[in-house]
Amino acid sequence: MTRKELLIAAILTLITVCAWVIFDIAHARSKVEIPQKIQEIIEPISPDFNTQSLED
């Protein structure tokens, strides 16, 4: 491989990596809306543990 071919390969690799990073950031920032009905279903459970029910 000549020096010119290596430079072209390095530039193409750099462009590919930059595009990959940009598209990955854009994908991560895209907002996904969850319907209200599903939000009600997936509400977190209370972390408080009722030890009195175990003692009964």
PDB file of N, CA and C in Angstrom:
ATOM      1  N   MET A   1       0.843  -1.182   0.000  1.00  0.00           N
ATOM      2  CA  MET A   1       0.000   0.000   0.000  1.00  0.00           C
ATOM      3  C   MET A   1       0.883   1.238   0.000  1.00  0.00           C
ATOM      4  N   THR A   2       0.531   2.147  -0.849  1.00  0.00           N
ATOM      5  CA  THR A   2       1.310   3.376  -0.901  1.00  0.00           C
ATOM      6  C   THR A   2       0.824   4.347   0.170  1.00  0.00           C
ATOM      7  N   ARG A   3       1.573   5.404   0.339  1.00  0.00           N
ATOM      8  CA  ARG A   3       1.242   6.415   1.346  1.00  0.00           C
ATOM      9  C   ARG A   3      -0.094   7.081   1.035  1.00  0.00           C
ATOM     10  N   LYS A   4      -0.380   7.279  -0.247  1.00  0.00           N
ATOM     11  CA  LYS A   4      -1.636   7.913  -0.671  1.00  0.00           C
ATOM     12  C   LYS A   4      -2.825   6.998  -0.353  1.00  0.00           C
ATOM     13  N   GLU A   5      -2.678   5.713  -0.575  1.00  0.00           N
ATOM     14  CA  GLU A   5      -3.748   4.760  -0.284  1.00  0.00           C
ATOM     15  C   GLU A   5      -4.020   4.679   1.210  1.00  0.00           C
ATOM     16  N   LEU A   6      -2.967   4.738   2.013  1.00  0.00           N
ATOM     17  CA  LEU A   6      -3.147   4.725   3.467  1.00  0.00           C
ATOM     18  C   LEU A   6      -3.877   5.972   3.942  1.00  0.00           C
ATOM     19  N   LEU A   7      -3.546   7.113   3.358  1.00  0.00           N
ATOM     20  CA  LEU A   7      -4.216   8.359   3.722  1.00  0.00           C
ATOM     21  C   LEU A   7      -5.699   8.291   3.371  1.00  0.00           C
ATOM     22  N   ILE A   8      -6.024   7.768   2.209  1.00  0.00           N
ATOM     23  CA  ILE A   8      -7.429   7.639   1.800  1.00  0.00           C
ATOM     24  C   ILE A   8      -8.171   6.677   2.724  1.00  0.00           C
ATOM     25  N   ALA A   9      -7.535   5.568   3.070  1.00  0.00           N
ATOM     26  CA  ALA A   9      -8.159   4.603   3.977  1.00  0.00           C
ATOM     27  C   ALA A   9      -8.375   5.218   5.359  1.00  0.00           C
ATOM     28  N   ALA A  10      -7.415   6.003   5.839  1.00  0.00           N
ATOM     29  CA  ALA A  10      -7.551   6.646   7.149  1.00  0.00           C
ATOM     30  C   ALA A  10      -8.670   7.680   7.144  1.00  0.00           C
ATOM     31  N   ILE A  11      -8.769   8.439   6.072  1.00  0.00           N
ATOM     32  CA  ILE A  11      -9.837   9.443   5.974  1.00  0.00           C
ATOM     33  C   ILE A  11     -11.205   8.779   5.913  1.00  0.00           C
ATOM     34  N   LEU A  12     -11.337   7.733   5.131  1.00  0.00           N
ATOM     35  CA  LEU A  12     -12.624   7.026   5.041  1.00  0.00           C
ATOM     36  C   LEU A  12     -12.989   6.390   6.382  1.00  0.00           C
ATOM     37  N   THR A  13     -12.000   5.855   7.077  1.00  0.00           N
ATOM     38  CA  THR A  13     -12.256   5.282   8.396  1.00  0.00           C
ATOM     39  C   THR A  13     -12.704   6.360   9.374  1.00  0.00           C
ATOM     40  N   LEU A  14     -12.066   7.520   9.345  1.00  0.00           N
ATOM     41  CA  LEU A  14     -12.443   8.628  10.213  1.00  0.00           C
ATOM     42  C   LEU A  14     -13.865   9.100   9.924  1.00  0.00           C
ATOM     43  N   ILE A  15     -14.206   9.212   8.655  1.00  0.00           N
ATOM     44  CA  ILE A  15     -15.570   9.627   8.282  1.00  0.00           C
ATOM     45  C   ILE A  15     -16.587   8.603   8.767  1.00  0.00           C
ATOM     46  N   THR A  16     -16.270   7.327   8.622  1.00  0.00           N
ATOM     47  CA  THR A  16     -17.177   6.269   9.065  1.00  0.00           C
ATOM     48  C   THR A  16     -17.385   6.307  10.572  1.00  0.00           C
ATOM     49  N   VAL A  17     -16.312   6.473  11.325  1.00  0.00           N
ATOM     50  CA  VAL A  17     -16.412   6.512  12.786  1.00  0.00           C
ATOM     51  C   VAL A  17     -17.205   7.744  13.225  1.00  0.00           C
ATOM     52  N   CYS A  18     -16.950   8.889  12.610  1.00  0.00           N
ATOM     53  CA  CYS A  18     -17.688  10.116  12.956  1.00  0.00           C
ATOM     54  C   CYS A  18     -19.178   9.953  12.663  1.00  0.00           C
ATOM     55  N   ALA A  19     -19.510   9.390  11.518  1.00  0.00           N
ATOM     56  CA  ALA A  19     -20.915   9.169  11.180  1.00  0.00           C
ATOM     57  C   ALA A  19     -21.559   8.209  12.174  1.00  0.00           C
ATOM     58  N   TRP A  20     -20.856   7.166  12.541  1.00  0.00           N
ATOM     59  CA  TRP A  20     -21.354   6.191  13.498  1.00  0.00           C
ATOM     60  C   TRP A  20     -21.665   6.858  14.836  1.00  0.00           C
ATOM     61  N   VAL A  21     -20.746   7.688  15.328  1.00  0.00           N
ATOM     62  CA  VAL A  21     -20.946   8.373  16.602  1.00  0.00           C
ATOM     63  C   VAL A  21     -22.130   9.337  16.516  1.00  0.00           C
ATOM     64  N   ILE A  22     -22.219  10.090  15.440  1.00  0.00           N
ATOM     65  CA  ILE A  22     -23.315  11.056  15.274  1.00  0.00           C
ATOM     66  C   ILE A  22     -24.665  10.346  15.242  1.00  0.00           C
ATOM     67  N   PHE A  23     -24.766   9.267  14.477  1.00  0.00           N
ATOM     68  CA  PHE A  23     -26.033   8.538  14.397  1.00  0.00           C
ATOM     69  C   PHE A  23     -26.371   7.869  15.724  1.00  0.00           C
ATOM     70  N   ASP A  24     -25.368   7.406  16.452  1.00  0.00           N
ATOM     71  CA  ASP A  24     -25.611   6.789  17.749  1.00  0.00           C
ATOM     72  C   ASP A  24     -26.126   7.820  18.750  1.00  0.00           C
ATOM     73  N   ILE A  25     -25.563   9.012  18.736  1.00  0.00           N
ATOM     74  CA  ILE A  25     -26.041  10.084  19.617  1.00  0.00           C
ATOM     75  C   ILE A  25     -27.462  10.487  19.244  1.00  0.00           C
ATOM     76  N   ALA A  26     -27.732  10.607  17.960  1.00  0.00           N
ATOM     77  CA  ALA A  26     -29.081  10.971  17.506  1.00  0.00           C
ATOM     78  C   ALA A  26     -30.088   9.906  17.918  1.00  0.00           C
ATOM     79  N   HIS A  27     -29.696   8.645  17.836  1.00  0.00           N
ATOM     80  CA  HIS A  27     -30.602   7.562  18.220  1.00  0.00           C
ATOM     81  C   HIS A  27     -30.867   7.578  19.719  1.00  0.00           C
ATOM     82  N   ALA A  28     -29.843   7.851  20.508  1.00  0.00           N
ATOM     83  CA  ALA A  28     -29.999   7.872  21.959  1.00  0.00           C
ATOM     84  C   ALA A  28     -30.846   9.055  22.417  1.00  0.00           C
ATOM     85  N   ARG A  29     -30.803  10.147  21.697  1.00  0.00           N
ATOM     86  CA  ARG A  29     -31.548  11.340  22.093  1.00  0.00           C
ATOM     87  C   ARG A  29     -32.991  11.334  21.604  1.00  0.00           C
ATOM     88  N   SER A  30     -33.325  10.412  20.710  1.00  0.00           N
ATOM     89  CA  SER A  30     -34.695  10.374  20.202  1.00  0.00           C
ATOM     90  C   SER A  30     -35.647  10.057  21.347  1.00  0.00           C
ATOM     91  N   LYS A  31     -36.736  10.769  21.387  1.00  0.00           N
ATOM     92  CA  LYS A  31     -37.671  10.651  22.501  1.00  0.00           C
ATOM     93  C   LYS A  31     -38.751   9.623  22.158  1.00  0.00           C
ATOM     94  N   VAL A  32     -38.960   8.714  23.071  1.00  0.00           N
ATOM     95  CA  VAL A  32     -39.983   7.690  22.905  1.00  0.00           C
ATOM     96  C   VAL A  32     -41.112   8.013  23.879  1.00  0.00           C
ATOM     97  N   GLU A  33     -42.311   8.114  23.357  1.00  0.00           N
ATOM     98  CA  GLU A  33     -43.460   8.402  24.212  1.00  0.00           C
ATOM     99  C   GLU A  33     -44.165   7.110  24.584  1.00  0.00           C
ATOM    100  N   ILE A  34     -44.418   6.951  25.880  1.00  0.00           N
ATOM    101  CA  ILE A  34     -45.114   5.773  26.382  1.00  0.00           C
ATOM    102  C   ILE A  34     -46.563   6.181  26.652  1.00  0.00           C
ATOM    103  N   PRO A  35     -47.528   5.428  26.135  1.00  0.00           N
ATOM    104  CA  PRO A  35     -48.930   5.766  26.367  1.00  0.00           C
ATOM    105  C   PRO A  35     -49.264   5.799  27.862  1.00  0.00           C
ATOM    106  N   GLN A  36     -50.253   6.615  28.226  1.00  0.00           N
ATOM    107  CA  GLN A  36     -50.630   6.806  29.628  1.00  0.00           C
ATOM    108  C   GLN A  36     -51.059   5.499  30.284  1.00  0.00           C
ATOM    109  N   LYS A  37     -51.774   4.652  29.568  1.00  0.00           N
ATOM    110  CA  LYS A  37     -52.245   3.389  30.136  1.00  0.00           C
ATOM    111  C   LYS A  37     -51.068   2.499  30.544  1.00  0.00           C
ATOM    112  N   ILE A  38     -50.037   2.455  29.717  1.00  0.00           N
ATOM    113  CA  ILE A  38     -48.867   1.635  30.025  1.00  0.00           C
ATOM    114  C   ILE A  38     -48.089   2.246  31.182  1.00  0.00           C
ATOM    115  N   GLN A  39     -48.022   3.568  31.258  1.00  0.00           N
ATOM    116  CA  GLN A  39     -47.329   4.212  32.372  1.00  0.00           C
ATOM    117  C   GLN A  39     -47.989   3.862  33.695  1.00  0.00           C
ATOM    118  N   GLU A  40     -49.303   3.763  33.720  1.00  0.00           N
ATOM    119  CA  GLU A  40     -50.004   3.393  34.946  1.00  0.00           C
ATOM    120  C   GLU A  40     -49.684   1.951  35.339  1.00  0.00           C
ATOM    121  N   ILE A  41     -49.538   1.083  34.358  1.00  0.00           N
ATOM    122  CA  ILE A  41     -49.280  -0.325  34.626  1.00  0.00           C
ATOM    123  C   ILE A  41     -47.861  -0.523  35.175  1.00  0.00           C
ATOM    124  N   ILE A  42     -46.907   0.247  34.672  1.00  0.00           N
ATOM    125  CA  ILE A  42     -45.505   0.018  35.043  1.00  0.00           C
ATOM    126  C   ILE A  42     -45.022   0.932  36.169  1.00  0.00           C
ATOM    127  N   GLU A  43     -45.939   1.471  36.956  1.00  0.00           N
ATOM    128  CA  GLU A  43     -45.529   2.296  38.098  1.00  0.00           C
ATOM    129  C   GLU A  43     -44.714   1.437  39.060  1.00  0.00           C
ATOM    130  N   PRO A  44     -43.692   2.021  39.675  1.00  0.00           N
ATOM    131  CA  PRO A  44     -42.838   1.229  40.577  1.00  0.00           C
ATOM    132  C   PRO A  44     -43.586   0.774  41.831  1.00  0.00           C
ATOM    133  N   ILE A  45     -43.190  -0.366  42.335  1.00  0.00           N
ATOM    134  CA  ILE A  45     -43.762  -0.914  43.560  1.00  0.00           C
ATOM    135  C   ILE A  45     -43.080  -0.241  44.747  1.00  0.00           C
ATOM    136  N   SER A  46     -43.816  -0.047  45.807  1.00  0.00           N
ATOM    137  CA  SER A  46     -43.267   0.588  47.000  1.00  0.00           C
ATOM    138  C   SER A  46     -42.142  -0.271  47.575  1.00  0.00           C
ATOM    139  N   PRO A  47     -40.992   0.338  47.888  1.00  0.00           N
ATOM    140  CA  PRO A  47     -39.871  -0.444  48.408  1.00  0.00           C
ATOM    141  C   PRO A  47     -39.992  -0.761  49.898  1.00  0.00           C
ATOM    142  N   ASP A  48     -41.008  -0.210  50.554  1.00  0.00           N
ATOM    143  CA  ASP A  48     -41.177  -0.475  51.984  1.00  0.00           C
ATOM    144  C   ASP A  48     -41.692  -1.892  52.180  1.00  0.00           C
ATOM    145  N   PHE A  49     -41.017  -2.639  53.062  1.00  0.00           N
ATOM    146  CA  PHE A  49     -41.379  -4.028  53.312  1.00  0.00           C
ATOM    147  C   PHE A  49     -42.137  -4.114  54.630  1.00  0.00           C
ATOM    148  N   ASN A  50     -43.299  -4.737  54.603  1.00  0.00           N
ATOM    149  CA  ASN A  50     -44.141  -4.855  55.770  1.00  0.00           C
ATOM    150  C   ASN A  50     -43.739  -6.107  56.546  1.00  0.00           C
ATOM    151  N   THR A  51     -42.946  -5.909  57.592  1.00  0.00           N
ATOM    152  CA  THR A  51     -42.467  -7.070  58.370  1.00  0.00           C
ATOM    153  C   THR A  51     -43.546  -7.574  59.321  1.00  0.00           C
ATOM    154  N   GLN A  52     -44.526  -6.758  59.638  1.00  0.00           N
ATOM    155  CA  GLN A  52     -45.588  -7.188  60.532  1.00  0.00           C
ATOM    156  C   GLN A  52     -46.411  -8.289  59.895  1.00  0.00           C
ATOM    157  N   SER A  53     -46.599  -8.262  58.602  1.00  0.00           N
ATOM    158  CA  SER A  53     -47.366  -9.319  57.966  1.00  0.00           C
ATOM    159  C   SER A  53     -46.637 -10.668  58.049  1.00  0.00           C
ATOM    160  N   LEU A  54     -45.316 -10.658  58.134  1.00  0.00           N
ATOM    161  CA  LEU A  54     -44.570 -11.907  58.289  1.00  0.00           C
ATOM    162  C   LEU A  54     -44.684 -12.440  59.712  1.00  0.00           C
ATOM    163  N   GLU A  55     -44.782 -11.532  60.680  1.00  0.00           N
ATOM    164  CA  GLU A  55     -44.874 -11.953  62.075  1.00  0.00           C
ATOM    165  C   GLU A  55     -46.244 -12.536  62.415  1.00  0.00           C
ATOM    166  N   ASP A  56     -47.262 -12.160  61.662  1.00  0.00           N
ATOM    167  CA  ASP A  56     -48.620 -12.674  61.912  1.00  0.00           C
ATOM    168  C   ASP A  56     -48.737 -14.059  61.387  1.00  0.00           C
TER     169      ASP A  56
END
